[in-house]
Structures are given as structure tokens and as C-alpha cells.
């Protein structure tokens, strides 16, 4: 597993960037979708889900639009500390687990929750778009080891 340490600040979600929900955190939700068997499959599913659920706010390429950028960690996407103008996010994004915790609870703002597996797929797609690839699908068991910021 490649766990790059990225010096620049992290959502879209902040994704947060990507897209979240109204549950308490990563965990089962109603309508859970099946888990992918490879990271590549998860990224492909996440790309579709991102387009359907996140692109209208975070941009078609994750560049940010109405919501913050989720792609371009080297350009300030998903900063470690929440920007002062952000209302929902108050925590740091040190790892993919931190991002997932925020996204699952808060994305999309005011919208319906997605199955937890869909959030993991969207986050896997965002990580892949930022140059982070894993040897196994992203989930709560390995997200804490995917370090975005020290």
C-alpha cells in the first residue's frame, strides 16, 4: 500500500470534500451497496458516484465550484486545517479516515445519505485522482494508514 505524506493542506467536501451524509460516521447505512474486490474497481465505482452526487458542487474534475476542491492536494485541495469560511468542517484532515468521518456525516449537505460503501468508493476515486493508489479497497480498516498530512 502506498501511503504518501502530502505537505500541502487538504475536502469537497471538503472529499470533504467529496460527498457525505447524515449518519454518525463510517458504518452501515440503509441500502448498503456491495463492496468492491479491488481498489481499481472501487475507484471506477467512485467515479460514477462522484459524477452523480458530488460534481455539481465540487466540479466535474474535483476542482471546486460551489464546494471546495477535492482534487489537487498540491494546490490546496482538502487542506489539513479547515478554511475559516467553512461552516461544517471543524476538524483536521490528517488521514483518509478523517475525511471519511466528515464526509459520511455531512455530505451532501441537506441531502439524503448514501450507503457507506458508496462514500468509501467516492473517497477512493478522489484519492486516486490525487495520485494515491492502494493495494486493497479503501475502508475503515486501512483508511487511518493513508496519511494526507502529518
Protein backbone atom coordinates (compact mmCIF):
# COMPACT_ATOMS: atom_id res chain seq x y z
CA UNK A 1 0.00 0.00 0.00
CA UNK A 2 1.35 3.42 -0.88
CA UNK A 3 0.70 5.96 1.85
CA UNK A 4 2.16 9.24 0.68
CA UNK A 5 2.59 12.06 3.12
CA UNK A 6 1.40 15.20 1.40
CA UNK A 7 2.73 18.51 2.68
CA UNK A 8 0.01 20.73 1.33
CA UNK A 9 -3.16 21.34 3.10
CA UNK A 10 -6.44 19.18 2.34
CA UNK A 11 -12.16 18.46 1.30
CA UNK A 12 -15.12 18.99 -1.24
CA UNK A 13 -16.27 18.11 0.93
CA UNK A 14 -14.21 19.17 1.97
CA UNK A 15 -13.60 14.64 -0.13
CA UNK A 16 -14.67 16.73 2.26
CA UNK A 17 -14.60 17.35 0.44
CA UNK A 18 -16.14 14.69 -1.86
CA UNK A 19 -19.55 13.88 -0.63
CA UNK A 20 -21.06 12.97 2.74
CA UNK A 21 -24.27 12.23 4.65
CA UNK A 22 -26.18 12.48 7.86
CA UNK A 23 -25.06 9.38 9.76
CA UNK A 24 -22.76 9.45 12.77
CA UNK A 25 -19.70 8.21 10.91
CA UNK A 26 -18.37 5.48 8.70
CA UNK A 27 -20.58 2.46 9.25
CA UNK A 28 -23.51 0.61 7.79
CA UNK A 29 -26.44 2.60 6.48
CA UNK A 30 -29.67 1.64 4.81
CA UNK A 31 -29.21 0.42 1.27
CA UNK A 32 -25.58 -0.65 1.71
CA UNK A 33 -24.07 -1.48 -1.67
CA UNK A 34 -21.71 -4.39 -2.21
CA UNK A 35 -18.03 -3.94 -1.53
CA UNK A 36 -15.55 -3.98 -4.42
CA UNK A 37 -12.84 -6.62 -4.51
CA UNK A 38 -10.06 -4.35 -5.81
CA UNK A 39 -9.09 -0.71 -5.36
CA UNK A 40 -9.34 -0.27 -9.14
CA UNK A 41 -12.96 -1.49 -9.11
CA UNK A 42 -13.70 0.78 -6.15
CA UNK A 43 -12.22 3.80 -7.97
CA UNK A 44 -14.32 3.06 -11.07
CA UNK A 45 -17.49 2.87 -8.95
CA UNK A 46 -16.45 6.01 -7.09
CA UNK A 47 -16.00 7.91 -10.34
CA UNK A 48 -19.60 7.18 -11.32
CA UNK A 49 -20.89 8.03 -7.86
CA UNK A 50 -18.85 11.24 -7.72
CA UNK A 51 -20.38 12.36 -11.02
CA UNK A 52 -23.89 11.60 -9.76
CA UNK A 53 -23.57 13.00 -6.25
CA UNK A 54 -20.61 15.37 -5.88
CA UNK A 55 -19.66 17.03 -9.18
CA UNK A 56 -22.41 19.66 -9.05
CA UNK A 57 -20.71 21.23 -6.02
CA UNK A 58 -17.10 20.06 -6.23
CA UNK A 59 -16.70 20.35 -10.01
CA UNK A 60 -16.57 17.73 -12.74
CA UNK A 61 -12.85 17.23 -12.17
CA UNK A 62 -12.87 17.91 -8.42
CA UNK A 63 -11.55 21.44 -8.95
CA UNK A 64 -14.20 23.00 -6.74
CA UNK A 65 -17.20 25.02 -7.79
CA UNK A 66 -19.87 25.80 -5.21
CA UNK A 67 -18.00 23.50 -2.83
CA UNK A 68 -14.29 23.16 -2.08
CA UNK A 69 -11.84 21.36 -4.36
CA UNK A 70 -11.17 17.69 -3.67
CA UNK A 71 -8.53 17.15 -6.35
CA UNK A 72 -5.24 18.99 -6.37
CA UNK A 73 -3.72 18.34 -2.97
CA UNK A 74 -0.61 20.10 -4.25
CA UNK A 75 -2.81 23.14 -4.99
CA UNK A 76 -4.63 23.32 -1.67
CA UNK A 77 -7.47 20.82 -2.06
CA UNK A 78 -8.51 19.10 1.17
CA UNK A 79 -6.35 21.23 3.47
CA UNK A 80 -5.18 19.91 6.81
CA UNK A 81 -6.99 22.66 8.68
CA UNK A 82 -10.49 23.79 7.72
CA UNK A 83 -10.51 27.14 5.95
CA UNK A 84 -12.04 29.90 8.13
CA UNK A 85 -15.02 30.34 5.79
CA UNK A 86 -16.10 26.68 6.13
CA UNK A 87 -19.11 26.25 8.38
CA UNK A 88 -19.41 22.45 8.68
CA UNK A 89 -15.83 21.31 8.98
CA UNK A 90 -14.01 21.98 12.25
CA UNK A 91 -11.55 19.05 12.29
CA UNK A 92 -8.20 18.39 10.66
CA UNK A 93 -7.81 16.04 7.70
CA UNK A 94 -4.66 14.11 8.62
CA UNK A 95 -5.76 10.80 7.10
CA UNK A 96 -8.33 9.36 4.74
CA UNK A 97 -10.20 8.17 7.85
CA UNK A 98 -10.59 11.79 8.99
CA UNK A 99 -12.01 12.77 5.60
CA UNK A 100 -14.35 9.77 5.60
CA UNK A 101 -15.66 10.60 9.06
CA UNK A 102 -16.55 14.11 7.95
CA UNK A 103 -17.96 13.15 4.57
CA UNK A 104 -20.20 10.34 5.80
CA UNK A 105 -21.67 12.62 8.44
CA UNK A 106 -22.04 15.81 6.39
CA UNK A 107 -22.27 15.14 2.66
CA UNK A 108 -24.22 16.04 0.74
CA UNK A 109 -25.35 19.00 2.86
CA UNK A 110 -29.06 18.72 3.43
CA UNK A 111 -29.28 15.72 1.12
CA UNK A 112 -30.02 12.06 1.63
CA UNK A 113 -27.32 9.72 2.90
CA UNK A 114 -25.57 7.31 0.60
CA UNK A 115 -24.68 3.75 1.55
CA UNK A 116 -21.37 3.80 3.43
CA UNK A 117 -19.68 1.70 0.74
CA UNK A 118 -20.52 4.47 -1.75
CA UNK A 119 -18.75 7.05 0.40
CA UNK A 120 -15.65 4.83 0.53
CA UNK A 121 -15.79 4.45 -3.26
CA UNK A 122 -16.07 8.21 -3.78
CA UNK A 123 -13.15 8.79 -1.43
CA UNK A 124 -11.11 6.11 -3.24
CA UNK A 125 -11.82 7.91 -6.52
CA UNK A 126 -10.74 11.25 -5.01
CA UNK A 127 -7.56 9.72 -3.59
CA UNK A 128 -6.76 8.10 -6.95
CA UNK A 129 -7.32 11.45 -8.70
CA UNK A 130 -4.76 12.89 -6.28
CA UNK A 131 -2.19 10.20 -7.12
CA UNK A 132 -2.87 7.87 -4.18
CA UNK A 133 -3.34 4.21 -5.12
CA UNK A 134 -3.80 1.35 -2.69
CA UNK A 135 -3.26 -2.41 -2.85
CA UNK A 136 -6.72 -3.10 -1.41
CA UNK A 137 -10.08 -1.32 -1.41
CA UNK A 138 -10.30 1.66 0.94
CA UNK A 139 -12.36 1.08 4.08
CA UNK A 140 -12.32 1.73 7.82
CA UNK A 141 -9.64 -0.93 8.33
CA UNK A 142 -6.98 0.87 6.26
CA UNK A 143 -8.10 4.50 5.91
CA UNK A 144 -6.23 5.57 9.04
CA UNK A 145 -2.95 4.48 7.45
CA UNK A 146 -3.49 6.67 4.36
CA UNK A 147 -1.75 9.79 5.61
CA UNK A 148 -2.60 13.03 3.82
CA UNK A 149 -0.88 15.42 6.23
CA UNK A 150 1.44 14.92 9.19
